[in-house]
Amino acid sequence: MRMRTGRSFNNRHGRHLLRSGAASIAVAAVTIAVVLGVTDSRAISAQDKYTVQVPEGLAFSEFRGFEDWTTVAVSQSGDKIEVILANPVMIEAYRAGVTGSDKPFPDGAKMAKIHWMATKSAEAPDPTTIPGTLHDIDFMVRDSTRFPNTGAWGYAQFNYDAASDTFKPLGTGSACGYACHTRVKAKDYVFTAYGKR
C-alpha cells in the first residue's frame, strides 16, 4: 500500500511538475513572441532611407556611405546651411586640379549636399549659426552613358520630414536639378569649388 501511495504521490507530483513546467514554457514563449513582435513592429515602422527612390530616377542606395565622404565646402543660402560632400572619385579629381572648366569630372564622381535649417547655438560665446533640423539631402552622379541628355549628370532630392523621421523624393526622373545647374555648364554643371585647406 505504501508503495502504491508513494507511486501515486510521485506520479501526481510528477504530472504537476510537468504541467507547471509546460505552463512556464508557454508563458516564456508568449513573452518572447510579444517582445519580438514589439521589436519587429518598431523595425518595420522605422524607414530605411536606402530603400527610397525618385520615381524613374536615382535611388538613395546609389549613394550609400555618403555620410563619410570628404567635405568639399560649406555654404549658407537664406535660412538653410549646407555641407557639400564628395566621394573619393570626385575628391581625387578636385585634388588633381579638375575644376570642370578645363575638363569634365570623371564618370563615377558623386556629390551629396545636406541642408539643415540654420539655428543659433545656445552654447557658443558668440552668435554662431549651426545646423538645426535636417531639411533635405541632394545627390549628383556623373555617368555620361546613363545621363547623356543632362550634361552627363543625374540629380535627386530627398526631402526630410522630422515628424515621421522619413525621406520623400522630390519630383520624378534624374533631371530634377539639371535646369538649375545649366548656369554653370562651363564648369561641368558643378557649382562648388574645392576650397584650399
C-alpha atoms as a PDB file:
ATOM      1  CA  MET A   1       0.000   0.000   0.000  1.00  0.00           C
ATOM      2  CA  ARG A   2       2.734   2.404   0.863  1.00  0.00           C
ATOM      3  CA  MET A   3       4.469   1.634  -2.412  1.00  0.00           C
ATOM      4  CA  ARG A   4       1.292   2.401  -4.244  1.00  0.00           C
ATOM      5  CA  THR A   5       0.717   5.606  -2.303  1.00  0.00           C
ATOM      6  CA  GLY A   6       4.290   6.589  -2.919  1.00  0.00           C
ATOM      7  CA  ARG A   7       3.998   5.881  -6.608  1.00  0.00           C
ATOM      8  CA  SER A   8       0.667   7.613  -6.758  1.00  0.00           C
ATOM      9  CA  PHE A   9       2.102  10.636  -4.985  1.00  0.00           C
ATOM     10  CA  ASN A  10       5.171  10.653  -7.233  1.00  0.00           C
ATOM     11  CA  ASN A  11       3.020  10.312 -10.336  1.00  0.00           C
ATOM     12  CA  ARG A  12       0.709  13.099  -9.195  1.00  0.00           C
ATOM     13  CA  HIS A  13       3.684  15.257  -8.193  1.00  0.00           C
ATOM     14  CA  GLY A  14       5.417  14.500 -11.499  1.00  0.00           C
ATOM     15  CA  ARG A  15       2.307  15.399 -13.503  1.00  0.00           C
ATOM     16  CA  HIS A  16       2.005  18.621 -11.511  1.00  0.00           C
ATOM     17  CA  LEU A  17       5.626  19.483 -12.242  1.00  0.00           C
ATOM     18  CA  LEU A  18       5.132  18.696 -15.907  1.00  0.00           C
ATOM     19  CA  ARG A  19       2.048  20.892 -16.048  1.00  0.00           C
ATOM     20  CA  SER A  20       3.891  23.670 -14.192  1.00  0.00           C
ATOM     21  CA  GLY A  21       6.889  23.327 -16.488  1.00  0.00           C
ATOM     22  CA  ALA A  22       4.694  23.348 -19.578  1.00  0.00           C
ATOM     23  CA  ALA A  23       2.855  26.406 -18.296  1.00  0.00           C
ATOM     24  CA  SER A  24       6.164  28.174 -17.617  1.00  0.00           C
ATOM     25  CA  ILE A  25       7.407  27.347 -21.100  1.00  0.00           C
ATOM     26  CA  ALA A  26       4.145  28.609 -22.606  1.00  0.00           C
ATOM     27  CA  VAL A  27       4.381  31.868 -20.641  1.00  0.00           C
ATOM     28  CA  ALA A  28       8.016  32.274 -21.701  1.00  0.00           C
ATOM     29  CA  ALA A  29       7.121  31.605 -25.344  1.00  0.00           C
ATOM     30  CA  VAL A  30       4.314  34.162 -25.270  1.00  0.00           C
ATOM     31  CA  THR A  31       6.610  36.692 -23.594  1.00  0.00           C
ATOM     32  CA  ILE A  32       9.287  36.164 -26.242  1.00  0.00           C
ATOM     33  CA  ALA A  33       6.716  36.423 -29.025  1.00  0.00           C
ATOM     34  CA  VAL A  34       5.386  39.683 -27.587  1.00  0.00           C
ATOM     35  CA  VAL A  35       8.883  41.123 -27.211  1.00  0.00           C
ATOM     36  CA  LEU A  36       9.835  40.049 -30.722  1.00  0.00           C
ATOM     37  CA  GLY A  37       6.559  41.384 -32.041  1.00  0.00           C
ATOM     38  CA  VAL A  38       7.215  44.797 -30.496  1.00  0.00           C
ATOM     39  CA  THR A  39      10.761  44.760 -31.828  1.00  0.00           C
ATOM     40  CA  ASP A  40       9.605  43.749 -35.318  1.00  0.00           C
ATOM     41  CA  SER A  41       6.862  46.393 -35.433  1.00  0.00           C
ATOM     42  CA  ARG A  42       9.351  49.068 -34.402  1.00  0.00           C
ATOM     43  CA  ALA A  43      11.797  47.917 -37.062  1.00  0.00           C
ATOM     44  CA  ILE A  44       9.054  47.936 -39.671  1.00  0.00           C
ATOM     45  CA  SER A  45       7.874  51.425 -38.717  1.00  0.00           C
ATOM     46  CA  ALA A  46      11.388  52.923 -38.987  1.00  0.00           C
ATOM     47  CA  GLN A  47      12.209  53.890 -42.562  1.00  0.00           C
ATOM     48  CA  ASP A  48      15.338  52.562 -44.195  1.00  0.00           C
ATOM     49  CA  LYS A  49      16.384  55.624 -46.188  1.00  0.00           C
ATOM     50  CA  TYR A  50      18.298  53.407 -48.603  1.00  0.00           C
ATOM     51  CA  THR A  51      15.010  51.991 -49.927  1.00  0.00           C
ATOM     52  CA  VAL A  52      13.749  55.416 -51.099  1.00  0.00           C
ATOM     53  CA  GLN A  53      13.987  56.298 -54.797  1.00  0.00           C
ATOM     54  CA  VAL A  54      12.945  59.151 -57.050  1.00  0.00           C
ATOM     55  CA  PRO A  55      10.243  57.739 -59.363  1.00  0.00           C
ATOM     56  CA  GLU A  56      12.026  56.863 -62.635  1.00  0.00           C
ATOM     57  CA  GLY A  57      15.192  58.375 -61.154  1.00  0.00           C
ATOM     58  CA  LEU A  58      18.060  57.935 -58.739  1.00  0.00           C
ATOM     59  CA  ALA A  59      17.850  55.795 -55.616  1.00  0.00           C
ATOM     60  CA  PHE A  60      19.161  56.821 -52.198  1.00  0.00           C
ATOM     61  CA  SER A  61      21.038  53.498 -52.162  1.00  0.00           C
ATOM     62  CA  GLU A  62      23.264  54.669 -55.036  1.00  0.00           C
ATOM     63  CA  PHE A  63      24.911  56.989 -52.508  1.00  0.00           C
ATOM     64  CA  ARG A  64      25.347  54.539 -49.649  1.00  0.00           C
ATOM     65  CA  GLY A  65      28.085  55.711 -47.290  1.00  0.00           C
ATOM     66  CA  PHE A  66      27.824  59.391 -48.294  1.00  0.00           C
ATOM     67  CA  GLU A  67      27.821  60.325 -44.601  1.00  0.00           C
ATOM     68  CA  ASP A  68      31.549  59.534 -44.513  1.00  0.00           C
ATOM     69  CA  TRP A  69      32.555  61.320 -47.716  1.00  0.00           C
ATOM     70  CA  THR A  70      35.034  64.198 -47.689  1.00  0.00           C
ATOM     71  CA  THR A  71      33.776  67.750 -47.255  1.00  0.00           C
ATOM     72  CA  VAL A  72      34.192  69.912 -50.353  1.00  0.00           C
ATOM     73  CA  ALA A  73      32.738  73.092 -48.856  1.00  0.00           C
ATOM     74  CA  VAL A  74      30.028  74.573 -46.653  1.00  0.00           C
ATOM     75  CA  SER A  75      27.556  77.282 -47.624  1.00  0.00           C
ATOM     76  CA  GLN A  76      24.503  79.167 -46.470  1.00  0.00           C
ATOM     77  CA  SER A  77      21.501  80.079 -48.564  1.00  0.00           C
ATOM     78  CA  GLY A  78      18.699  82.007 -46.900  1.00  0.00           C
ATOM     79  CA  ASP A  79      17.542  80.168 -43.789  1.00  0.00           C
ATOM     80  CA  LYS A  80      19.477  76.972 -44.591  1.00  0.00           C
ATOM     81  CA  ILE A  81      23.091  75.924 -44.161  1.00  0.00           C
ATOM     82  CA  GLU A  82      24.648  73.164 -46.234  1.00  0.00           C
ATOM     83  CA  VAL A  83      27.637  70.895 -46.351  1.00  0.00           C
ATOM     84  CA  ILE A  84      28.737  69.598 -49.745  1.00  0.00           C
ATOM     85  CA  LEU A  85      30.422  66.185 -49.722  1.00  0.00           C
ATOM     86  CA  ALA A  86      32.122  64.206 -52.496  1.00  0.00           C
ATOM     87  CA  ASN A  87      33.034  60.580 -52.982  1.00  0.00           C
ATOM     88  CA  PRO A  88      36.703  59.536 -53.443  1.00  0.00           C
ATOM     89  CA  VAL A  89      36.454  59.671 -57.276  1.00  0.00           C
ATOM     90  CA  MET A  90      35.354  63.313 -57.190  1.00  0.00           C
ATOM     91  CA  ILE A  91      37.799  64.287 -54.431  1.00  0.00           C
ATOM     92  CA  GLU A  92      40.688  62.785 -56.383  1.00  0.00           C
ATOM     93  CA  ALA A  93      39.640  64.815 -59.444  1.00  0.00           C
ATOM     94  CA  TYR A  94      39.395  68.018 -57.387  1.00  0.00           C
ATOM     95  CA  ARG A  95      42.844  67.414 -55.879  1.00  0.00           C
ATOM     96  CA  ALA A  96      44.257  66.749 -59.355  1.00  0.00           C
ATOM     97  CA  GLY A  97      43.091  70.239 -60.330  1.00  0.00           C
ATOM     98  CA  VAL A  98      39.867  69.395 -62.178  1.00  0.00           C
ATOM     99  CA  THR A  99      37.504  72.338 -61.881  1.00  0.00           C
ATOM    100  CA  GLY A 100      35.090  71.308 -64.592  1.00  0.00           C
ATOM    101  CA  SER A 101      36.074  74.293 -66.736  1.00  0.00           C
ATOM    102  CA  ASP A 102      39.251  72.741 -68.131  1.00  0.00           C
ATOM    103  CA  LYS A 103      37.950  69.189 -68.423  1.00  0.00           C
ATOM    104  CA  PRO A 104      34.919  67.321 -67.115  1.00  0.00           C
ATOM    105  CA  PHE A 105      34.822  65.345 -63.920  1.00  0.00           C
ATOM    106  CA  PRO A 106      35.216  61.593 -64.450  1.00  0.00           C
ATOM    107  CA  ASP A 107      32.297  59.202 -64.625  1.00  0.00           C
ATOM    108  CA  GLY A 108      31.593  57.811 -61.173  1.00  0.00           C
ATOM    109  CA  ALA A 109      32.062  61.194 -59.482  1.00  0.00           C
ATOM    110  CA  LYS A 110      29.341  61.753 -56.881  1.00  0.00           C
ATOM    111  CA  MET A 111      28.307  64.622 -54.650  1.00  0.00           C
ATOM    112  CA  ALA A 112      25.879  64.992 -51.761  1.00  0.00           C
ATOM    113  CA  LYS A 113      24.535  68.221 -50.288  1.00  0.00           C
ATOM    114  CA  ILE A 114      22.943  68.104 -46.859  1.00  0.00           C
ATOM    115  CA  HIS A 115      20.662  71.042 -45.998  1.00  0.00           C
ATOM    116  CA  TRP A 116      19.722  71.944 -42.428  1.00  0.00           C
ATOM    117  CA  MET A 117      17.583  74.783 -41.160  1.00  0.00           C
ATOM    118  CA  ALA A 118      20.005  77.336 -39.717  1.00  0.00           C
ATOM    119  CA  THR A 119      19.786  77.968 -35.996  1.00  0.00           C
ATOM    120  CA  LYS A 120      21.817  79.836 -33.396  1.00  0.00           C
ATOM    121  CA  SER A 121      23.966  77.961 -30.919  1.00  0.00           C
ATOM    122  CA  ALA A 122      22.810  78.227 -27.320  1.00  0.00           C
ATOM    123  CA  GLU A 123      26.286  77.325 -26.014  1.00  0.00           C
ATOM    124  CA  ALA A 124      28.769  79.286 -28.151  1.00  0.00           C
ATOM    125  CA  PRO A 125      30.023  82.547 -26.580  1.00  0.00           C
ATOM    126  CA  ASP A 126      29.492  84.490 -29.816  1.00  0.00           C
ATOM    127  CA  PRO A 127      26.428  84.297 -32.090  1.00  0.00           C
ATOM    128  CA  THR A 128      27.154  81.151 -34.088  1.00  0.00           C
ATOM    129  CA  THR A 129      24.993  79.628 -36.809  1.00  0.00           C
ATOM    130  CA  ILE A 130      24.785  75.840 -36.582  1.00  0.00           C
ATOM    131  CA  PRO A 131      22.724  73.071 -38.219  1.00  0.00           C
ATOM    132  CA  GLY A 132      19.218  72.719 -36.839  1.00  0.00           C
ATOM    133  CA  THR A 133      16.545  70.407 -38.226  1.00  0.00           C
ATOM    134  CA  LEU A 134      17.508  68.410 -41.306  1.00  0.00           C
ATOM    135  CA  HIS A 135      15.684  69.779 -44.380  1.00  0.00           C
ATOM    136  CA  ASP A 136      16.767  67.637 -47.339  1.00  0.00           C
ATOM    137  CA  ILE A 137      19.627  65.783 -48.997  1.00  0.00           C
ATOM    138  CA  ASP A 138      20.533  66.274 -52.669  1.00  0.00           C
ATOM    139  CA  PHE A 139      22.663  63.977 -54.796  1.00  0.00           C
ATOM    140  CA  MET A 140      24.543  64.215 -58.099  1.00  0.00           C
ATOM    141  CA  VAL A 141      26.294  61.452 -60.008  1.00  0.00           C
ATOM    142  CA  ARG A 142      28.259  61.742 -63.246  1.00  0.00           C
ATOM    143  CA  ASP A 143      27.594  58.995 -65.773  1.00  0.00           C
ATOM    144  CA  SER A 144      27.916  60.076 -69.406  1.00  0.00           C
ATOM    145  CA  THR A 145      26.293  56.870 -70.690  1.00  0.00           C
ATOM    146  CA  ARG A 146      23.315  56.929 -68.358  1.00  0.00           C
ATOM    147  CA  PHE A 147      22.618  60.686 -68.487  1.00  0.00           C
ATOM    148  CA  PRO A 148      23.523  61.944 -71.988  1.00  0.00           C
ATOM    149  CA  ASN A 149      20.665  64.492 -72.028  1.00  0.00           C
ATOM    150  CA  THR A 150      21.510  66.255 -68.769  1.00  0.00           C
ATOM    151  CA  GLY A 151      25.181  67.084 -69.206  1.00  0.00           C
ATOM    152  CA  ALA A 152      26.214  63.568 -68.077  1.00  0.00           C
ATOM    153  CA  TRP A 153      24.860  64.214 -64.558  1.00  0.00           C
ATOM    154  CA  GLY A 154      21.911  62.643 -62.735  1.00  0.00           C
ATOM    155  CA  TYR A 155      20.236  64.534 -59.893  1.00  0.00           C
ATOM    156  CA  ALA A 156      17.983  63.697 -56.945  1.00  0.00           C
ATOM    157  CA  GLN A 157      16.491  65.497 -53.968  1.00  0.00           C
ATOM    158  CA  PHE A 158      15.055  63.760 -50.897  1.00  0.00           C
ATOM    159  CA  ASN A 159      13.100  65.967 -48.506  1.00  0.00           C
ATOM    160  CA  TYR A 160      13.153  65.062 -44.832  1.00  0.00           C
ATOM    161  CA  ASP A 161      10.087  65.024 -42.587  1.00  0.00           C
ATOM    162  CA  ALA A 162      11.148  65.300 -38.942  1.00  0.00           C
ATOM    163  CA  ALA A 163       7.729  64.330 -37.547  1.00  0.00           C
ATOM    164  CA  SER A 164       7.796  60.913 -39.221  1.00  0.00           C
ATOM    165  CA  ASP A 165      11.611  60.631 -39.490  1.00  0.00           C
ATOM    166  CA  THR A 166      11.274  59.775 -43.193  1.00  0.00           C
ATOM    167  CA  PHE A 167      12.613  60.908 -46.560  1.00  0.00           C
ATOM    168  CA  LYS A 168      10.427  61.627 -49.582  1.00  0.00           C
ATOM    169  CA  PRO A 169      11.751  62.118 -53.127  1.00  0.00           C
ATOM    170  CA  LEU A 170      11.063  65.438 -54.824  1.00  0.00           C
ATOM    171  CA  GLY A 171       9.905  65.225 -58.434  1.00  0.00           C
ATOM    172  CA  THR A 172      10.472  62.427 -60.893  1.00  0.00           C
ATOM    173  CA  GLY A 173      13.336  61.354 -63.109  1.00  0.00           C
ATOM    174  CA  SER A 174      17.042  62.101 -62.785  1.00  0.00           C
ATOM    175  CA  ALA A 175      16.913  65.537 -64.402  1.00  0.00           C
ATOM    176  CA  CYS A 176      15.230  67.316 -61.471  1.00  0.00           C
ATOM    177  CA  GLY A 177      18.260  69.553 -60.774  1.00  0.00           C
ATOM    178  CA  TYR A 178      19.506  69.936 -64.330  1.00  0.00           C
ATOM    179  CA  ALA A 179      17.793  73.246 -65.197  1.00  0.00           C
ATOM    180  CA  CYS A 180      19.348  74.934 -62.174  1.00  0.00           C
ATOM    181  CA  HIS A 181      22.829  73.591 -62.964  1.00  0.00           C
ATOM    182  CA  THR A 182      22.858  74.749 -66.609  1.00  0.00           C
ATOM    183  CA  ARG A 183      24.073  78.169 -65.430  1.00  0.00           C
ATOM    184  CA  VAL A 184      27.416  76.505 -64.593  1.00  0.00           C
ATOM    185  CA  LYS A 185      27.630  74.386 -67.734  1.00  0.00           C
ATOM    186  CA  ALA A 186      31.143  75.739 -68.349  1.00  0.00           C
ATOM    187  CA  LYS A 187      32.205  74.163 -65.036  1.00  0.00           C
ATOM    188  CA  ASP A 188      30.729  70.768 -65.939  1.00  0.00           C
ATOM    189  CA  TYR A 189      27.498  71.700 -64.130  1.00  0.00           C
ATOM    190  CA  VAL A 190      29.205  71.858 -60.717  1.00  0.00           C
ATOM    191  CA  PHE A 191      28.697  74.944 -58.543  1.00  0.00           C
ATOM    192  CA  THR A 192      31.043  74.128 -55.679  1.00  0.00           C
ATOM    193  CA  ALA A 193      34.784  74.685 -55.842  1.00  0.00           C
ATOM    194  CA  TYR A 194      37.150  72.687 -53.646  1.00  0.00           C
ATOM    195  CA  GLY A 195      38.410  75.216 -51.117  1.00  0.00           C
ATOM    196  CA  LYS A 196      42.095  75.420 -50.180  1.00  0.00           C
ATOM    197  CA  ARG A 197      42.968  73.598 -46.984  1.00  0.00           C
END
